[in-house]
Amino acid sequence: MSEANRLILASSSPARKALLKSAGLEFDVIPAHIDESAIRDAIVRETIGAEPADIASVLAAEKARIVSQAHEDALVIGADQVLALGGTIFSKAKDLAEAREILETLRGKTHKLISAAALARNGKVHWQTTATASMTMRNFSDEFLGAYLEKLGDEALRSVGCYEIERLGVQLFEHIDGDYFTILGIPLLPLLARLRQEEMVTA
């Protein structure tokens, strides 16, 4: 395969990899190594009125750009996801104690999941998109929360919000408004449409 026909996913997310595989894409996985926290903090600090979608877009684009610089001519997919509740933006929990705090904060409320995707070639980002899902957690008991975290263990630390909706995490929710792919971390339908335009998949 020539580099011009090579597709790379600049993400180590098992969910994103599984979604793209299930959609029939052939690609390599080369995670981007960027300081997401530093970039996120800089956006919030330096951009007046920065929205969660802005942060997700910048991070997705930077991942795609960085990996595409090292793999000339390949088309690189960058992706990121941001969880926001009101004006607060959440990161992945560092430990189970923090996971409990996050879930206690989200309990009984509606938060937003914003997923972004970007495409880059030769260090230049030439396409981006975002999608948002509204996620309403039920007012679950402390006993349920304890059992949930005990069952998941460190797996709760793999995703922002401390849940994987395709697994046990679905039991945390009362109502969801948004497509499944956005919730799992990538706006898949617009991405596939763009890849068809790029002639990376059959139209």
Protein backbone atom coordinates (compact mmCIF):
# COMPACT_ATOMS: atom_id res chain seq x y z
CA MET A 1 0.00 0.00 0.00
CA SER A 2 1.35 3.42 -0.94
CA GLU A 3 1.50 6.09 1.75
CA ALA A 4 -1.09 8.09 -0.20
CA ASN A 5 -3.56 5.24 0.33
CA ARG A 6 -2.56 4.60 3.93
CA LEU A 7 -5.05 5.48 6.67
CA ILE A 8 -3.85 5.99 10.24
CA LEU A 9 -5.86 6.36 13.43
CA ALA A 10 -3.98 8.64 15.84
CA SER A 11 -5.75 7.24 18.90
CA SER A 12 -5.26 4.33 21.26
CA SER A 13 -8.99 4.18 22.13
CA PRO A 14 -10.26 0.59 21.87
CA ALA A 15 -13.79 1.89 21.19
CA ARG A 16 -12.71 4.07 18.26
CA LYS A 17 -10.61 1.26 16.83
CA ALA A 18 -13.53 -1.17 17.11
CA LEU A 19 -15.96 1.27 15.46
CA LEU A 20 -13.69 1.88 12.47
CA LYS A 21 -12.94 -1.84 12.11
CA SER A 22 -16.65 -2.66 12.22
CA ALA A 23 -17.24 -0.05 9.50
CA GLY A 24 -14.86 -2.00 7.24
CA LEU A 25 -11.93 0.43 7.28
CA GLU A 26 -8.36 -0.74 6.94
CA PHE A 27 -5.98 1.38 8.98
CA ASP A 28 -2.95 1.43 11.24
CA VAL A 29 -3.06 2.65 14.82
CA ILE A 30 -0.35 5.14 15.79
CA PRO A 31 -1.34 7.06 18.95
CA ALA A 32 -0.40 10.71 19.12
CA HIS A 33 1.68 11.71 22.12
CA ILE A 34 0.56 15.18 23.14
CA ASP A 35 0.04 16.86 26.51
CA GLU A 36 -3.75 17.04 26.39
CA SER A 37 -4.07 18.67 29.80
CA ALA A 38 -1.63 21.45 28.91
CA ILE A 39 -3.39 22.17 25.61
CA ARG A 40 -6.80 22.12 27.28
CA ASP A 41 -5.64 24.49 30.03
CA ALA A 42 -4.07 26.86 27.47
CA ILE A 43 -7.29 27.05 25.46
CA VAL A 44 -9.35 27.85 28.55
CA ARG A 45 -6.79 30.39 29.73
CA GLU A 46 -6.17 32.17 26.45
CA THR A 47 -9.49 31.96 24.60
CA ILE A 48 -12.33 34.13 25.83
CA GLY A 49 -15.59 32.23 25.71
CA ALA A 50 -13.96 28.93 24.70
CA GLU A 51 -16.57 26.20 24.31
CA PRO A 52 -16.09 22.47 25.00
CA ALA A 53 -16.40 21.85 21.24
CA ASP A 54 -13.44 24.18 20.66
CA ILE A 55 -11.30 22.12 23.01
CA ALA A 56 -12.31 18.81 21.45
CA SER A 57 -11.67 20.20 17.95
CA VAL A 58 -8.21 21.52 18.80
CA LEU A 59 -7.15 18.28 20.47
CA ALA A 60 -8.42 16.11 17.60
CA ALA A 61 -6.68 18.32 15.06
CA GLU A 62 -3.41 18.36 16.98
CA LYS A 63 -3.36 14.57 17.24
CA ALA A 64 -3.93 14.23 13.50
CA ARG A 65 -1.36 16.91 12.67
CA ILE A 66 1.41 15.50 14.87
CA VAL A 67 1.13 11.95 13.53
CA SER A 68 0.79 13.13 9.92
CA GLN A 69 4.08 15.02 10.21
CA ALA A 70 5.87 11.75 10.89
CA HIS A 71 4.08 9.78 8.15
CA GLU A 72 4.19 11.81 4.97
CA ASP A 73 1.31 11.43 2.50
CA ALA A 74 -0.72 9.15 4.79
CA LEU A 75 -4.18 10.35 5.79
CA VAL A 76 -4.43 10.58 9.57
CA ILE A 77 -7.59 10.56 11.69
CA GLY A 78 -7.42 12.47 14.95
CA ALA A 79 -10.22 12.24 17.50
CA ASP A 80 -11.01 13.57 20.93
CA GLN A 81 -13.90 13.73 23.35
CA VAL A 82 -14.78 16.30 26.01
CA LEU A 83 -17.32 15.94 28.81
CA ALA A 84 -18.91 19.15 30.08
CA LEU A 85 -21.40 19.86 32.85
CA GLY A 86 -22.36 23.51 32.81
CA GLY A 87 -19.08 25.40 32.73
CA THR A 88 -17.01 22.52 34.10
CA ILE A 89 -14.95 20.31 31.78
CA PHE A 90 -13.99 16.88 33.08
CA SER A 91 -10.90 14.80 32.40
CA LYS A 92 -10.36 11.09 32.93
CA ALA A 93 -10.19 10.14 36.60
CA LYS A 94 -6.73 9.45 37.97
CA ASP A 95 -7.92 6.87 40.50
CA LEU A 96 -11.10 5.23 41.78
CA ALA A 97 -11.59 7.86 44.50
CA GLU A 98 -11.68 10.56 41.84
CA ALA A 99 -13.96 8.38 39.70
CA ARG A 100 -16.42 8.24 42.59
CA GLU A 101 -16.31 12.04 42.95
CA ILE A 102 -16.95 12.53 39.24
CA LEU A 103 -19.91 10.14 39.19
CA GLU A 104 -21.36 11.72 42.32
CA THR A 105 -21.16 15.09 40.58
CA LEU A 106 -22.82 13.80 37.38
CA ARG A 107 -25.50 11.79 39.21
CA GLY A 108 -29.04 13.01 38.52
CA LYS A 109 -27.86 15.65 36.03
CA THR A 110 -27.56 16.05 32.25
CA HIS A 111 -24.06 16.49 30.85
CA LYS A 112 -22.75 16.91 27.32
CA LEU A 113 -20.34 14.63 25.47
CA ILE A 114 -18.66 16.39 22.56
CA SER A 115 -16.76 14.20 20.11
CA ALA A 116 -14.48 15.66 17.44
CA ALA A 117 -12.69 14.20 14.45
CA ALA A 118 -10.06 15.70 12.15
CA LEU A 119 -8.14 14.61 9.07
CA ALA A 120 -4.58 15.66 8.33
CA ARG A 121 -2.01 14.96 5.65
CA ASN A 122 1.61 16.09 5.62
CA GLY A 123 1.20 18.06 8.82
CA LYS A 124 -1.83 20.05 7.65
CA VAL A 125 -5.36 19.61 8.95
CA HIS A 126 -7.86 19.95 6.12
CA TRP A 127 -11.13 18.69 7.62
CA GLN A 128 -12.82 18.74 11.03
CA THR A 129 -16.22 18.03 12.55
CA THR A 130 -17.87 17.74 15.96
CA ALA A 131 -21.02 16.13 17.33
CA THR A 132 -22.72 16.38 20.72
CA ALA A 133 -24.72 13.95 22.83
CA SER A 134 -26.77 14.85 25.92
CA MET A 135 -26.45 12.27 28.68
CA THR A 136 -28.81 12.21 31.67
CA MET A 137 -27.68 10.07 34.58
CA ARG A 138 -30.26 8.58 36.87
CA ASN A 139 -30.18 9.32 40.59
CA PHE A 140 -28.58 6.01 41.49
CA SER A 141 -27.88 5.02 45.09
CA ASP A 142 -24.53 5.14 46.85
CA GLU A 143 -24.76 1.36 47.12
CA PHE A 144 -25.11 1.01 43.36
CA LEU A 145 -22.20 3.37 42.79
CA GLY A 146 -19.98 1.40 45.14
CA ALA A 147 -20.87 -1.90 43.48
CA TYR A 148 -20.39 -0.37 40.02
CA LEU A 149 -16.87 0.87 40.79
CA GLU A 150 -15.94 -2.35 42.55
CA LYS A 151 -16.97 -4.37 39.51
CA LEU A 152 -15.20 -2.13 37.00
CA GLY A 153 -12.07 -1.43 38.98
CA ASP A 154 -9.44 0.43 36.97
CA GLU A 155 -11.52 0.02 33.81
CA ALA A 156 -13.53 3.00 35.08
CA LEU A 157 -10.44 5.15 34.48
CA ARG A 158 -10.29 4.44 30.75
CA SER A 159 -12.99 6.86 29.67
CA VAL A 160 -13.95 10.40 30.51
CA GLY A 161 -17.01 10.26 32.76
CA CYS A 162 -15.89 6.89 34.14
CA TYR A 163 -18.32 4.88 32.04
CA GLU A 164 -18.32 2.85 28.87
CA ILE A 165 -21.85 3.06 27.52
CA GLU A 166 -21.47 -0.15 25.52
CA ARG A 167 -20.93 -2.09 28.75
CA LEU A 168 -21.99 -1.76 32.40
CA GLY A 169 -21.95 2.03 32.15
CA VAL A 170 -25.33 2.01 30.40
CA GLN A 171 -26.92 1.25 33.79
CA LEU A 172 -25.93 4.73 35.01
CA PHE A 173 -28.31 6.44 32.60
CA GLU A 174 -31.94 7.49 32.53
CA HIS A 175 -32.01 9.21 29.12
CA ILE A 176 -29.64 9.70 26.19
CA ASP A 177 -30.05 12.09 23.28
CA GLY A 178 -27.39 11.61 20.61
CA ASP A 179 -25.98 8.99 18.31
CA TYR A 180 -24.15 5.94 19.57
CA PHE A 181 -20.94 6.70 17.69
CA THR A 182 -20.63 10.17 19.21
CA ILE A 183 -21.02 8.66 22.67
CA LEU A 184 -18.27 6.14 21.96
CA GLY A 185 -15.92 8.90 20.90
CA ILE A 186 -16.04 9.67 17.19
CA PRO A 187 -18.57 11.31 14.81
CA LEU A 188 -18.50 8.27 12.56
CA LEU A 189 -21.09 9.06 9.88
CA PRO A 190 -19.63 12.45 8.82
CA LEU A 191 -16.14 10.93 9.00
CA LEU A 192 -17.12 8.10 6.67
CA ALA A 193 -18.73 10.59 4.28
CA ARG A 194 -15.50 12.57 4.16
CA LEU A 195 -13.39 9.44 3.66
CA ARG A 196 -15.54 8.59 0.64
CA GLN A 197 -14.80 12.05 -0.75
CA GLU A 198 -11.10 11.37 -0.11
CA GLU A 199 -11.52 8.07 -2.00
CA MET A 200 -10.23 6.18 1.04
CA VAL A 201 -13.36 4.01 1.08
CA THR A 202 -15.68 2.86 -1.69
CA ALA A 203 -18.35 5.46 -2.50
